[in-house]
Amino acid sequence: ALYIVWHILDLTVGVANQDFRAGQP
């Protein structure tokens, strides 16, 4: 359950990914 929240913030929303680029999965 905790990981699902992290995963969304990391690779869906991008706020937990320091090098997140929208539209470049």
PDBML (XML) file of the C-alpha atoms, coordinates in Angstrom:
<?xml version="1.0" encoding="UTF-8" ?>
<PDBx:datablock datablockName="MODEL"
   xmlns:PDBx="http://pdbml.pdb.org/schema/pdbx-v50.xsd"
   xmlns:xsi="http://www.w3.org/2001/XMLSchema-instance"
   xsi:schemaLocation="http://pdbml.pdb.org/schema/pdbx-v50.xsd pdbx-v50.xsd">
   <PDBx:atom_siteCategory>
      <PDBx:atom_site id="1">
         <PDBx:B_iso_or_equiv>0.00</PDBx:B_iso_or_equiv>
         <PDBx:Cartn_x>0.000</PDBx:Cartn_x>
         <PDBx:Cartn_y>0.000</PDBx:Cartn_y>
         <PDBx:Cartn_z>0.000</PDBx:Cartn_z>
         <PDBx:auth_asym_id>A</PDBx:auth_asym_id>
         <PDBx:auth_atom_id>CA</PDBx:auth_atom_id>
         <PDBx:auth_comp_id>ALA</PDBx:auth_comp_id>
         <PDBx:auth_seq_id>1</PDBx:auth_seq_id>
         <PDBx:group_PDB>ATOM</PDBx:group_PDB>
         <PDBx:label_alt_id xsi:nil="true" />
         <PDBx:label_asym_id>A</PDBx:label_asym_id>
         <PDBx:label_atom_id>CA</PDBx:label_atom_id>
         <PDBx:label_comp_id>ALA</PDBx:label_comp_id>
         <PDBx:label_entity_id>1</PDBx:label_entity_id>
         <PDBx:label_seq_id>1</PDBx:label_seq_id>
         <PDBx:occupancy>1.00</PDBx:occupancy>
         <PDBx:pdbx_PDB_model_num>1</PDBx:pdbx_PDB_model_num>
         <PDBx:type_symbol>C</PDBx:type_symbol>
      </PDBx:atom_site>
      <PDBx:atom_site id="2">
         <PDBx:B_iso_or_equiv>0.00</PDBx:B_iso_or_equiv>
         <PDBx:Cartn_x>2.838</PDBx:Cartn_x>
         <PDBx:Cartn_y>2.392</PDBx:Cartn_y>
         <PDBx:Cartn_z>0.864</PDBx:Cartn_z>
         <PDBx:auth_asym_id>A</PDBx:auth_asym_id>
         <PDBx:auth_atom_id>CA</PDBx:auth_atom_id>
         <PDBx:auth_comp_id>LEU</PDBx:auth_comp_id>
         <PDBx:auth_seq_id>2</PDBx:auth_seq_id>
         <PDBx:group_PDB>ATOM</PDBx:group_PDB>
         <PDBx:label_alt_id xsi:nil="true" />
         <PDBx:label_asym_id>A</PDBx:label_asym_id>
         <PDBx:label_atom_id>CA</PDBx:label_atom_id>
         <PDBx:label_comp_id>LEU</PDBx:label_comp_id>
         <PDBx:label_entity_id>1</PDBx:label_entity_id>
         <PDBx:label_seq_id>2</PDBx:label_seq_id>
         <PDBx:occupancy>1.00</PDBx:occupancy>
         <PDBx:pdbx_PDB_model_num>1</PDBx:pdbx_PDB_model_num>
         <PDBx:type_symbol>C</PDBx:type_symbol>
      </PDBx:atom_site>
      <PDBx:atom_site id="3">
         <PDBx:B_iso_or_equiv>0.00</PDBx:B_iso_or_equiv>
         <PDBx:Cartn_x>4.712</PDBx:Cartn_x>
         <PDBx:Cartn_y>1.435</PDBx:Cartn_y>
         <PDBx:Cartn_z>-2.300</PDBx:Cartn_z>
         <PDBx:auth_asym_id>A</PDBx:auth_asym_id>
         <PDBx:auth_atom_id>CA</PDBx:auth_atom_id>
         <PDBx:auth_comp_id>TYR</PDBx:auth_comp_id>
         <PDBx:auth_seq_id>3</PDBx:auth_seq_id>
         <PDBx:group_PDB>ATOM</PDBx:group_PDB>
         <PDBx:label_alt_id xsi:nil="true" />
         <PDBx:label_asym_id>A</PDBx:label_asym_id>
         <PDBx:label_atom_id>CA</PDBx:label_atom_id>
         <PDBx:label_comp_id>TYR</PDBx:label_comp_id>
         <PDBx:label_entity_id>1</PDBx:label_entity_id>
         <PDBx:label_seq_id>3</PDBx:label_seq_id>
         <PDBx:occupancy>1.00</PDBx:occupancy>
         <PDBx:pdbx_PDB_model_num>1</PDBx:pdbx_PDB_model_num>
         <PDBx:type_symbol>C</PDBx:type_symbol>
      </PDBx:atom_site>
      <PDBx:atom_site id="4">
         <PDBx:B_iso_or_equiv>0.00</PDBx:B_iso_or_equiv>
         <PDBx:Cartn_x>1.689</PDBx:Cartn_x>
         <PDBx:Cartn_y>2.183</PDBx:Cartn_y>
         <PDBx:Cartn_z>-4.498</PDBx:Cartn_z>
         <PDBx:auth_asym_id>A</PDBx:auth_asym_id>
         <PDBx:auth_atom_id>CA</PDBx:auth_atom_id>
         <PDBx:auth_comp_id>ILE</PDBx:auth_comp_id>
         <PDBx:auth_seq_id>4</PDBx:auth_seq_id>
         <PDBx:group_PDB>ATOM</PDBx:group_PDB>
         <PDBx:label_alt_id xsi:nil="true" />
         <PDBx:label_asym_id>A</PDBx:label_asym_id>
         <PDBx:label_atom_id>CA</PDBx:label_atom_id>
         <PDBx:label_comp_id>ILE</PDBx:label_comp_id>
         <PDBx:label_entity_id>1</PDBx:label_entity_id>
         <PDBx:label_seq_id>4</PDBx:label_seq_id>
         <PDBx:occupancy>1.00</PDBx:occupancy>
         <PDBx:pdbx_PDB_model_num>1</PDBx:pdbx_PDB_model_num>
         <PDBx:type_symbol>C</PDBx:type_symbol>
      </PDBx:atom_site>
      <PDBx:atom_site id="5">
         <PDBx:B_iso_or_equiv>0.00</PDBx:B_iso_or_equiv>
         <PDBx:Cartn_x>1.680</PDBx:Cartn_x>
         <PDBx:Cartn_y>5.744</PDBx:Cartn_y>
         <PDBx:Cartn_z>-3.142</PDBx:Cartn_z>
         <PDBx:auth_asym_id>A</PDBx:auth_asym_id>
         <PDBx:auth_atom_id>CA</PDBx:auth_atom_id>
         <PDBx:auth_comp_id>VAL</PDBx:auth_comp_id>
         <PDBx:auth_seq_id>5</PDBx:auth_seq_id>
         <PDBx:group_PDB>ATOM</PDBx:group_PDB>
         <PDBx:label_alt_id xsi:nil="true" />
         <PDBx:label_asym_id>A</PDBx:label_asym_id>
         <PDBx:label_atom_id>CA</PDBx:label_atom_id>
         <PDBx:label_comp_id>VAL</PDBx:label_comp_id>
         <PDBx:label_entity_id>1</PDBx:label_entity_id>
         <PDBx:label_seq_id>5</PDBx:label_seq_id>
         <PDBx:occupancy>1.00</PDBx:occupancy>
         <PDBx:pdbx_PDB_model_num>1</PDBx:pdbx_PDB_model_num>
         <PDBx:type_symbol>C</PDBx:type_symbol>
      </PDBx:atom_site>
      <PDBx:atom_site id="6">
         <PDBx:B_iso_or_equiv>0.00</PDBx:B_iso_or_equiv>
         <PDBx:Cartn_x>5.431</PDBx:Cartn_x>
         <PDBx:Cartn_y>6.040</PDBx:Cartn_y>
         <PDBx:Cartn_z>-3.751</PDBx:Cartn_z>
         <PDBx:auth_asym_id>A</PDBx:auth_asym_id>
         <PDBx:auth_atom_id>CA</PDBx:auth_atom_id>
         <PDBx:auth_comp_id>TRP</PDBx:auth_comp_id>
         <PDBx:auth_seq_id>6</PDBx:auth_seq_id>
         <PDBx:group_PDB>ATOM</PDBx:group_PDB>
         <PDBx:label_alt_id xsi:nil="true" />
         <PDBx:label_asym_id>A</PDBx:label_asym_id>
         <PDBx:label_atom_id>CA</PDBx:label_atom_id>
         <PDBx:label_comp_id>TRP</PDBx:label_comp_id>
         <PDBx:label_entity_id>1</PDBx:label_entity_id>
         <PDBx:label_seq_id>6</PDBx:label_seq_id>
         <PDBx:occupancy>1.00</PDBx:occupancy>
         <PDBx:pdbx_PDB_model_num>1</PDBx:pdbx_PDB_model_num>
         <PDBx:type_symbol>C</PDBx:type_symbol>
      </PDBx:atom_site>
      <PDBx:atom_site id="7">
         <PDBx:B_iso_or_equiv>0.00</PDBx:B_iso_or_equiv>
         <PDBx:Cartn_x>5.139</PDBx:Cartn_x>
         <PDBx:Cartn_y>4.586</PDBx:Cartn_y>
         <PDBx:Cartn_z>-7.273</PDBx:Cartn_z>
         <PDBx:auth_asym_id>A</PDBx:auth_asym_id>
         <PDBx:auth_atom_id>CA</PDBx:auth_atom_id>
         <PDBx:auth_comp_id>HIS</PDBx:auth_comp_id>
         <PDBx:auth_seq_id>7</PDBx:auth_seq_id>
         <PDBx:group_PDB>ATOM</PDBx:group_PDB>
         <PDBx:label_alt_id xsi:nil="true" />
         <PDBx:label_asym_id>A</PDBx:label_asym_id>
         <PDBx:label_atom_id>CA</PDBx:label_atom_id>
         <PDBx:label_comp_id>HIS</PDBx:label_comp_id>
         <PDBx:label_entity_id>1</PDBx:label_entity_id>
         <PDBx:label_seq_id>7</PDBx:label_seq_id>
         <PDBx:occupancy>1.00</PDBx:occupancy>
         <PDBx:pdbx_PDB_model_num>1</PDBx:pdbx_PDB_model_num>
         <PDBx:type_symbol>C</PDBx:type_symbol>
      </PDBx:atom_site>
      <PDBx:atom_site id="8">
         <PDBx:B_iso_or_equiv>0.00</PDBx:B_iso_or_equiv>
         <PDBx:Cartn_x>2.469</PDBx:Cartn_x>
         <PDBx:Cartn_y>7.127</PDBx:Cartn_y>
         <PDBx:Cartn_z>-8.249</PDBx:Cartn_z>
         <PDBx:auth_asym_id>A</PDBx:auth_asym_id>
         <PDBx:auth_atom_id>CA</PDBx:auth_atom_id>
         <PDBx:auth_comp_id>ILE</PDBx:auth_comp_id>
         <PDBx:auth_seq_id>8</PDBx:auth_seq_id>
         <PDBx:group_PDB>ATOM</PDBx:group_PDB>
         <PDBx:label_alt_id xsi:nil="true" />
         <PDBx:label_asym_id>A</PDBx:label_asym_id>
         <PDBx:label_atom_id>CA</PDBx:label_atom_id>
         <PDBx:label_comp_id>ILE</PDBx:label_comp_id>
         <PDBx:label_entity_id>1</PDBx:label_entity_id>
         <PDBx:label_seq_id>8</PDBx:label_seq_id>
         <PDBx:occupancy>1.00</PDBx:occupancy>
         <PDBx:pdbx_PDB_model_num>1</PDBx:pdbx_PDB_model_num>
         <PDBx:type_symbol>C</PDBx:type_symbol>
      </PDBx:atom_site>
      <PDBx:atom_site id="9">
         <PDBx:B_iso_or_equiv>0.00</PDBx:B_iso_or_equiv>
         <PDBx:Cartn_x>4.518</PDBx:Cartn_x>
         <PDBx:Cartn_y>10.024</PDBx:Cartn_y>
         <PDBx:Cartn_z>-6.876</PDBx:Cartn_z>
         <PDBx:auth_asym_id>A</PDBx:auth_asym_id>
         <PDBx:auth_atom_id>CA</PDBx:auth_atom_id>
         <PDBx:auth_comp_id>LEU</PDBx:auth_comp_id>
         <PDBx:auth_seq_id>9</PDBx:auth_seq_id>
         <PDBx:group_PDB>ATOM</PDBx:group_PDB>
         <PDBx:label_alt_id xsi:nil="true" />
         <PDBx:label_asym_id>A</PDBx:label_asym_id>
         <PDBx:label_atom_id>CA</PDBx:label_atom_id>
         <PDBx:label_comp_id>LEU</PDBx:label_comp_id>
         <PDBx:label_entity_id>1</PDBx:label_entity_id>
         <PDBx:label_seq_id>9</PDBx:label_seq_id>
         <PDBx:occupancy>1.00</PDBx:occupancy>
         <PDBx:pdbx_PDB_model_num>1</PDBx:pdbx_PDB_model_num>
         <PDBx:type_symbol>C</PDBx:type_symbol>
      </PDBx:atom_site>
      <PDBx:atom_site id="10">
         <PDBx:B_iso_or_equiv>0.00</PDBx:B_iso_or_equiv>
         <PDBx:Cartn_x>7.644</PDBx:Cartn_x>
         <PDBx:Cartn_y>8.672</PDBx:Cartn_y>
         <PDBx:Cartn_z>-8.553</PDBx:Cartn_z>
         <PDBx:auth_asym_id>A</PDBx:auth_asym_id>
         <PDBx:auth_atom_id>CA</PDBx:auth_atom_id>
         <PDBx:auth_comp_id>ASP</PDBx:auth_comp_id>
         <PDBx:auth_seq_id>10</PDBx:auth_seq_id>
         <PDBx:group_PDB>ATOM</PDBx:group_PDB>
         <PDBx:label_alt_id xsi:nil="true" />
         <PDBx:label_asym_id>A</PDBx:label_asym_id>
         <PDBx:label_atom_id>CA</PDBx:label_atom_id>
         <PDBx:label_comp_id>ASP</PDBx:label_comp_id>
         <PDBx:label_entity_id>1</PDBx:label_entity_id>
         <PDBx:label_seq_id>10</PDBx:label_seq_id>
         <PDBx:occupancy>1.00</PDBx:occupancy>
         <PDBx:pdbx_PDB_model_num>1</PDBx:pdbx_PDB_model_num>
         <PDBx:type_symbol>C</PDBx:type_symbol>
      </PDBx:atom_site>
      <PDBx:atom_site id="11">
         <PDBx:B_iso_or_equiv>0.00</PDBx:B_iso_or_equiv>
         <PDBx:Cartn_x>6.698</PDBx:Cartn_x>
         <PDBx:Cartn_y>7.636</PDBx:Cartn_y>
         <PDBx:Cartn_z>-12.083</PDBx:Cartn_z>
         <PDBx:auth_asym_id>A</PDBx:auth_asym_id>
         <PDBx:auth_atom_id>CA</PDBx:auth_atom_id>
         <PDBx:auth_comp_id>LEU</PDBx:auth_comp_id>
         <PDBx:auth_seq_id>11</PDBx:auth_seq_id>
         <PDBx:group_PDB>ATOM</PDBx:group_PDB>
         <PDBx:label_alt_id xsi:nil="true" />
         <PDBx:label_asym_id>A</PDBx:label_asym_id>
         <PDBx:label_atom_id>CA</PDBx:label_atom_id>
         <PDBx:label_comp_id>LEU</PDBx:label_comp_id>
         <PDBx:label_entity_id>1</PDBx:label_entity_id>
         <PDBx:label_seq_id>11</PDBx:label_seq_id>
         <PDBx:occupancy>1.00</PDBx:occupancy>
         <PDBx:pdbx_PDB_model_num>1</PDBx:pdbx_PDB_model_num>
         <PDBx:type_symbol>C</PDBx:type_symbol>
      </PDBx:atom_site>
      <PDBx:atom_site id="12">
         <PDBx:B_iso_or_equiv>0.00</PDBx:B_iso_or_equiv>
         <PDBx:Cartn_x>3.162</PDBx:Cartn_x>
         <PDBx:Cartn_y>8.964</PDBx:Cartn_y>
         <PDBx:Cartn_z>-12.609</PDBx:Cartn_z>
         <PDBx:auth_asym_id>A</PDBx:auth_asym_id>
         <PDBx:auth_atom_id>CA</PDBx:auth_atom_id>
         <PDBx:auth_comp_id>THR</PDBx:auth_comp_id>
         <PDBx:auth_seq_id>12</PDBx:auth_seq_id>
         <PDBx:group_PDB>ATOM</PDBx:group_PDB>
         <PDBx:label_alt_id xsi:nil="true" />
         <PDBx:label_asym_id>A</PDBx:label_asym_id>
         <PDBx:label_atom_id>CA</PDBx:label_atom_id>
         <PDBx:label_comp_id>THR</PDBx:label_comp_id>
         <PDBx:label_entity_id>1</PDBx:label_entity_id>
         <PDBx:label_seq_id>12</PDBx:label_seq_id>
         <PDBx:occupancy>1.00</PDBx:occupancy>
         <PDBx:pdbx_PDB_model_num>1</PDBx:pdbx_PDB_model_num>
         <PDBx:type_symbol>C</PDBx:type_symbol>
      </PDBx:atom_site>
      <PDBx:atom_site id="13">
         <PDBx:B_iso_or_equiv>0.00</PDBx:B_iso_or_equiv>
         <PDBx:Cartn_x>3.175</PDBx:Cartn_x>
         <PDBx:Cartn_y>12.410</PDBx:Cartn_y>
         <PDBx:Cartn_z>-10.994</PDBx:Cartn_z>
         <PDBx:auth_asym_id>A</PDBx:auth_asym_id>
         <PDBx:auth_atom_id>CA</PDBx:auth_atom_id>
         <PDBx:auth_comp_id>VAL</PDBx:auth_comp_id>
         <PDBx:auth_seq_id>13</PDBx:auth_seq_id>
         <PDBx:group_PDB>ATOM</PDBx:group_PDB>
         <PDBx:label_alt_id xsi:nil="true" />
         <PDBx:label_asym_id>A</PDBx:label_asym_id>
         <PDBx:label_atom_id>CA</PDBx:label_atom_id>
         <PDBx:label_comp_id>VAL</PDBx:label_comp_id>
         <PDBx:label_entity_id>1</PDBx:label_entity_id>
         <PDBx:label_seq_id>13</PDBx:label_seq_id>
         <PDBx:occupancy>1.00</PDBx:occupancy>
         <PDBx:pdbx_PDB_model_num>1</PDBx:pdbx_PDB_model_num>
         <PDBx:type_symbol>C</PDBx:type_symbol>
      </PDBx:atom_site>
      <PDBx:atom_site id="14">
         <PDBx:B_iso_or_equiv>0.00</PDBx:B_iso_or_equiv>
         <PDBx:Cartn_x>6.955</PDBx:Cartn_x>
         <PDBx:Cartn_y>12.739</PDBx:Cartn_y>
         <PDBx:Cartn_z>-11.029</PDBx:Cartn_z>
         <PDBx:auth_asym_id>A</PDBx:auth_asym_id>
         <PDBx:auth_atom_id>CA</PDBx:auth_atom_id>
         <PDBx:auth_comp_id>GLY</PDBx:auth_comp_id>
         <PDBx:auth_seq_id>14</PDBx:auth_seq_id>
         <PDBx:group_PDB>ATOM</PDBx:group_PDB>
         <PDBx:label_alt_id xsi:nil="true" />
         <PDBx:label_asym_id>A</PDBx:label_asym_id>
         <PDBx:label_atom_id>CA</PDBx:label_atom_id>
         <PDBx:label_comp_id>GLY</PDBx:label_comp_id>
         <PDBx:label_entity_id>1</PDBx:label_entity_id>
         <PDBx:label_seq_id>14</PDBx:label_seq_id>
         <PDBx:occupancy>1.00</PDBx:occupancy>
         <PDBx:pdbx_PDB_model_num>1</PDBx:pdbx_PDB_model_num>
         <PDBx:type_symbol>C</PDBx:type_symbol>
      </PDBx:atom_site>
      <PDBx:atom_site id="15">
         <PDBx:B_iso_or_equiv>0.00</PDBx:B_iso_or_equiv>
         <PDBx:Cartn_x>7.428</PDBx:Cartn_x>
         <PDBx:Cartn_y>14.683</PDBx:Cartn_y>
         <PDBx:Cartn_z>-7.795</PDBx:Cartn_z>
         <PDBx:auth_asym_id>A</PDBx:auth_asym_id>
         <PDBx:auth_atom_id>CA</PDBx:auth_atom_id>
         <PDBx:auth_comp_id>VAL</PDBx:auth_comp_id>
         <PDBx:auth_seq_id>15</PDBx:auth_seq_id>
         <PDBx:group_PDB>ATOM</PDBx:group_PDB>
         <PDBx:label_alt_id xsi:nil="true" />
         <PDBx:label_asym_id>A</PDBx:label_asym_id>
         <PDBx:label_atom_id>CA</PDBx:label_atom_id>
         <PDBx:label_comp_id>VAL</PDBx:label_comp_id>
         <PDBx:label_entity_id>1</PDBx:label_entity_id>
         <PDBx:label_seq_id>15</PDBx:label_seq_id>
         <PDBx:occupancy>1.00</PDBx:occupancy>
         <PDBx:pdbx_PDB_model_num>1</PDBx:pdbx_PDB_model_num>
         <PDBx:type_symbol>C</PDBx:type_symbol>
      </PDBx:atom_site>
      <PDBx:atom_site id="16">
         <PDBx:B_iso_or_equiv>0.00</PDBx:B_iso_or_equiv>
         <PDBx:Cartn_x>9.645</PDBx:Cartn_x>
         <PDBx:Cartn_y>11.945</PDBx:Cartn_y>
         <PDBx:Cartn_z>-6.302</PDBx:Cartn_z>
         <PDBx:auth_asym_id>A</PDBx:auth_asym_id>
         <PDBx:auth_atom_id>CA</PDBx:auth_atom_id>
         <PDBx:auth_comp_id>ALA</PDBx:auth_comp_id>
         <PDBx:auth_seq_id>16</PDBx:auth_seq_id>
         <PDBx:group_PDB>ATOM</PDBx:group_PDB>
         <PDBx:label_alt_id xsi:nil="true" />
         <PDBx:label_asym_id>A</PDBx:label_asym_id>
         <PDBx:label_atom_id>CA</PDBx:label_atom_id>
         <PDBx:label_comp_id>ALA</PDBx:label_comp_id>
         <PDBx:label_entity_id>1</PDBx:label_entity_id>
         <PDBx:label_seq_id>16</PDBx:label_seq_id>
         <PDBx:occupancy>1.00</PDBx:occupancy>
         <PDBx:pdbx_PDB_model_num>1</PDBx:pdbx_PDB_model_num>
         <PDBx:type_symbol>C</PDBx:type_symbol>
      </PDBx:atom_site>
      <PDBx:atom_site id="17">
         <PDBx:B_iso_or_equiv>0.00</PDBx:B_iso_or_equiv>
         <PDBx:Cartn_x>11.773</PDBx:Cartn_x>
         <PDBx:Cartn_y>11.577</PDBx:Cartn_y>
         <PDBx:Cartn_z>-9.434</PDBx:Cartn_z>
         <PDBx:auth_asym_id>A</PDBx:auth_asym_id>
         <PDBx:auth_atom_id>CA</PDBx:auth_atom_id>
         <PDBx:auth_comp_id>ASN</PDBx:auth_comp_id>
         <PDBx:auth_seq_id>17</PDBx:auth_seq_id>
         <PDBx:group_PDB>ATOM</PDBx:group_PDB>
         <PDBx:label_alt_id xsi:nil="true" />
         <PDBx:label_asym_id>A</PDBx:label_asym_id>
         <PDBx:label_atom_id>CA</PDBx:label_atom_id>
         <PDBx:label_comp_id>ASN</PDBx:label_comp_id>
         <PDBx:label_entity_id>1</PDBx:label_entity_id>
         <PDBx:label_seq_id>17</PDBx:label_seq_id>
         <PDBx:occupancy>1.00</PDBx:occupancy>
         <PDBx:pdbx_PDB_model_num>1</PDBx:pdbx_PDB_model_num>
         <PDBx:type_symbol>C</PDBx:type_symbol>
      </PDBx:atom_site>
      <PDBx:atom_site id="18">
         <PDBx:B_iso_or_equiv>0.00</PDBx:B_iso_or_equiv>
         <PDBx:Cartn_x>14.566</PDBx:Cartn_x>
         <PDBx:Cartn_y>14.163</PDBx:Cartn_y>
         <PDBx:Cartn_z>-9.484</PDBx:Cartn_z>
         <PDBx:auth_asym_id>A</PDBx:auth_asym_id>
         <PDBx:auth_atom_id>CA</PDBx:auth_atom_id>
         <PDBx:auth_comp_id>GLN</PDBx:auth_comp_id>
         <PDBx:auth_seq_id>18</PDBx:auth_seq_id>
         <PDBx:group_PDB>ATOM</PDBx:group_PDB>
         <PDBx:label_alt_id xsi:nil="true" />
         <PDBx:label_asym_id>A</PDBx:label_asym_id>
         <PDBx:label_atom_id>CA</PDBx:label_atom_id>
         <PDBx:label_comp_id>GLN</PDBx:label_comp_id>
         <PDBx:label_entity_id>1</PDBx:label_entity_id>
         <PDBx:label_seq_id>18</PDBx:label_seq_id>
         <PDBx:occupancy>1.00</PDBx:occupancy>
         <PDBx:pdbx_PDB_model_num>1</PDBx:pdbx_PDB_model_num>
         <PDBx:type_symbol>C</PDBx:type_symbol>
      </PDBx:atom_site>
      <PDBx:atom_site id="19">
         <PDBx:B_iso_or_equiv>0.00</PDBx:B_iso_or_equiv>
         <PDBx:Cartn_x>14.957</PDBx:Cartn_x>
         <PDBx:Cartn_y>13.909</PDBx:Cartn_y>
         <PDBx:Cartn_z>-13.275</PDBx:Cartn_z>
         <PDBx:auth_asym_id>A</PDBx:auth_asym_id>
         <PDBx:auth_atom_id>CA</PDBx:auth_atom_id>
         <PDBx:auth_comp_id>ASP</PDBx:auth_comp_id>
         <PDBx:auth_seq_id>19</PDBx:auth_seq_id>
         <PDBx:group_PDB>ATOM</PDBx:group_PDB>
         <PDBx:label_alt_id xsi:nil="true" />
         <PDBx:label_asym_id>A</PDBx:label_asym_id>
         <PDBx:label_atom_id>CA</PDBx:label_atom_id>
         <PDBx:label_comp_id>ASP</PDBx:label_comp_id>
         <PDBx:label_entity_id>1</PDBx:label_entity_id>
         <PDBx:label_seq_id>19</PDBx:label_seq_id>
         <PDBx:occupancy>1.00</PDBx:occupancy>
         <PDBx:pdbx_PDB_model_num>1</PDBx:pdbx_PDB_model_num>
         <PDBx:type_symbol>C</PDBx:type_symbol>
      </PDBx:atom_site>
      <PDBx:atom_site id="20">
         <PDBx:B_iso_or_equiv>0.00</PDBx:B_iso_or_equiv>
         <PDBx:Cartn_x>11.312</PDBx:Cartn_x>
         <PDBx:Cartn_y>13.493</PDBx:Cartn_y>
         <PDBx:Cartn_z>-14.307</PDBx:Cartn_z>
         <PDBx:auth_asym_id>A</PDBx:auth_asym_id>
         <PDBx:auth_atom_id>CA</PDBx:auth_atom_id>
         <PDBx:auth_comp_id>PHE</PDBx:auth_comp_id>
         <PDBx:auth_seq_id>20</PDBx:auth_seq_id>
         <PDBx:group_PDB>ATOM</PDBx:group_PDB>
         <PDBx:label_alt_id xsi:nil="true" />
         <PDBx:label_asym_id>A</PDBx:label_asym_id>
         <PDBx:label_atom_id>CA</PDBx:label_atom_id>
         <PDBx:label_comp_id>PHE</PDBx:label_comp_id>
         <PDBx:label_entity_id>1</PDBx:label_entity_id>
         <PDBx:label_seq_id>20</PDBx:label_seq_id>
         <PDBx:occupancy>1.00</PDBx:occupancy>
         <PDBx:pdbx_PDB_model_num>1</PDBx:pdbx_PDB_model_num>
         <PDBx:type_symbol>C</PDBx:type_symbol>
      </PDBx:atom_site>
      <PDBx:atom_site id="21">
         <PDBx:B_iso_or_equiv>0.00</PDBx:B_iso_or_equiv>
         <PDBx:Cartn_x>10.386</PDBx:Cartn_x>
         <PDBx:Cartn_y>14.655</PDBx:Cartn_y>
         <PDBx:Cartn_z>-17.808</PDBx:Cartn_z>
         <PDBx:auth_asym_id>A</PDBx:auth_asym_id>
         <PDBx:auth_atom_id>CA</PDBx:auth_atom_id>
         <PDBx:auth_comp_id>ARG</PDBx:auth_comp_id>
         <PDBx:auth_seq_id>21</PDBx:auth_seq_id>
         <PDBx:group_PDB>ATOM</PDBx:group_PDB>
         <PDBx:label_alt_id xsi:nil="true" />
         <PDBx:label_asym_id>A</PDBx:label_asym_id>
         <PDBx:label_atom_id>CA</PDBx:label_atom_id>
         <PDBx:label_comp_id>ARG</PDBx:label_comp_id>
         <PDBx:label_entity_id>1</PDBx:label_entity_id>
         <PDBx:label_seq_id>21</PDBx:label_seq_id>
         <PDBx:occupancy>1.00</PDBx:occupancy>
         <PDBx:pdbx_PDB_model_num>1</PDBx:pdbx_PDB_model_num>
         <PDBx:type_symbol>C</PDBx:type_symbol>
      </PDBx:atom_site>
      <PDBx:atom_site id="22">
         <PDBx:B_iso_or_equiv>0.00</PDBx:B_iso_or_equiv>
         <PDBx:Cartn_x>6.724</PDBx:Cartn_x>
         <PDBx:Cartn_y>14.817</PDBx:Cartn_y>
         <PDBx:Cartn_z>-18.782</PDBx:Cartn_z>
         <PDBx:auth_asym_id>A</PDBx:auth_asym_id>
         <PDBx:auth_atom_id>CA</PDBx:auth_atom_id>
         <PDBx:auth_comp_id>ALA</PDBx:auth_comp_id>
         <PDBx:auth_seq_id>22</PDBx:auth_seq_id>
         <PDBx:group_PDB>ATOM</PDBx:group_PDB>
         <PDBx:label_alt_id xsi:nil="true" />
         <PDBx:label_asym_id>A</PDBx:label_asym_id>
         <PDBx:label_atom_id>CA</PDBx:label_atom_id>
         <PDBx:label_comp_id>ALA</PDBx:label_comp_id>
         <PDBx:label_entity_id>1</PDBx:label_entity_id>
         <PDBx:label_seq_id>22</PDBx:label_seq_id>
         <PDBx:occupancy>1.00</PDBx:occupancy>
         <PDBx:pdbx_PDB_model_num>1</PDBx:pdbx_PDB_model_num>
         <PDBx:type_symbol>C</PDBx:type_symbol>
      </PDBx:atom_site>
      <PDBx:atom_site id="23">
         <PDBx:B_iso_or_equiv>0.00</PDBx:B_iso_or_equiv>
         <PDBx:Cartn_x>5.924</PDBx:Cartn_x>
         <PDBx:Cartn_y>12.678</PDBx:Cartn_y>
         <PDBx:Cartn_z>-21.819</PDBx:Cartn_z>
         <PDBx:auth_asym_id>A</PDBx:auth_asym_id>
         <PDBx:auth_atom_id>CA</PDBx:auth_atom_id>
         <PDBx:auth_comp_id>GLY</PDBx:auth_comp_id>
         <PDBx:auth_seq_id>23</PDBx:auth_seq_id>
         <PDBx:group_PDB>ATOM</PDBx:group_PDB>
         <PDBx:label_alt_id xsi:nil="true" />
         <PDBx:label_asym_id>A</PDBx:label_asym_id>
         <PDBx:label_atom_id>CA</PDBx:label_atom_id>
         <PDBx:label_comp_id>GLY</PDBx:label_comp_id>
         <PDBx:label_entity_id>1</PDBx:label_entity_id>
         <PDBx:label_seq_id>23</PDBx:label_seq_id>
         <PDBx:occupancy>1.00</PDBx:occupancy>
         <PDBx:pdbx_PDB_model_num>1</PDBx:pdbx_PDB_model_num>
         <PDBx:type_symbol>C</PDBx:type_symbol>
      </PDBx:atom_site>
      <PDBx:atom_site id="24">
         <PDBx:B_iso_or_equiv>0.00</PDBx:B_iso_or_equiv>
         <PDBx:Cartn_x>9.222</PDBx:Cartn_x>
         <PDBx:Cartn_y>10.749</PDBx:Cartn_y>
         <PDBx:Cartn_z>-21.694</PDBx:Cartn_z>
         <PDBx:auth_asym_id>A</PDBx:auth_asym_id>
         <PDBx:auth_atom_id>CA</PDBx:auth_atom_id>
         <PDBx:auth_comp_id>GLN</PDBx:auth_comp_id>
         <PDBx:auth_seq_id>24</PDBx:auth_seq_id>
         <PDBx:group_PDB>ATOM</PDBx:group_PDB>
         <PDBx:label_alt_id xsi:nil="true" />
         <PDBx:label_asym_id>A</PDBx:label_asym_id>
         <PDBx:label_atom_id>CA</PDBx:label_atom_id>
         <PDBx:label_comp_id>GLN</PDBx:label_comp_id>
         <PDBx:label_entity_id>1</PDBx:label_entity_id>
         <PDBx:label_seq_id>24</PDBx:label_seq_id>
         <PDBx:occupancy>1.00</PDBx:occupancy>
         <PDBx:pdbx_PDB_model_num>1</PDBx:pdbx_PDB_model_num>
         <PDBx:type_symbol>C</PDBx:type_symbol>
      </PDBx:atom_site>
      <PDBx:atom_site id="25">
         <PDBx:B_iso_or_equiv>0.00</PDBx:B_iso_or_equiv>
         <PDBx:Cartn_x>8.469</PDBx:Cartn_x>
         <PDBx:Cartn_y>7.523</PDBx:Cartn_y>
         <PDBx:Cartn_z>-19.736</PDBx:Cartn_z>
         <PDBx:auth_asym_id>A</PDBx:auth_asym_id>
         <PDBx:auth_atom_id>CA</PDBx:auth_atom_id>
         <PDBx:auth_comp_id>PRO</PDBx:auth_comp_id>
         <PDBx:auth_seq_id>25</PDBx:auth_seq_id>
         <PDBx:group_PDB>ATOM</PDBx:group_PDB>
         <PDBx:label_alt_id xsi:nil="true" />
         <PDBx:label_asym_id>A</PDBx:label_asym_id>
         <PDBx:label_atom_id>CA</PDBx:label_atom_id>
         <PDBx:label_comp_id>PRO</PDBx:label_comp_id>
         <PDBx:label_entity_id>1</PDBx:label_entity_id>
         <PDBx:label_seq_id>25</PDBx:label_seq_id>
         <PDBx:occupancy>1.00</PDBx:occupancy>
         <PDBx:pdbx_PDB_model_num>1</PDBx:pdbx_PDB_model_num>
         <PDBx:type_symbol>C</PDBx:type_symbol>
      </PDBx:atom_site>
   </PDBx:atom_siteCategory>
</PDBx:datablock>
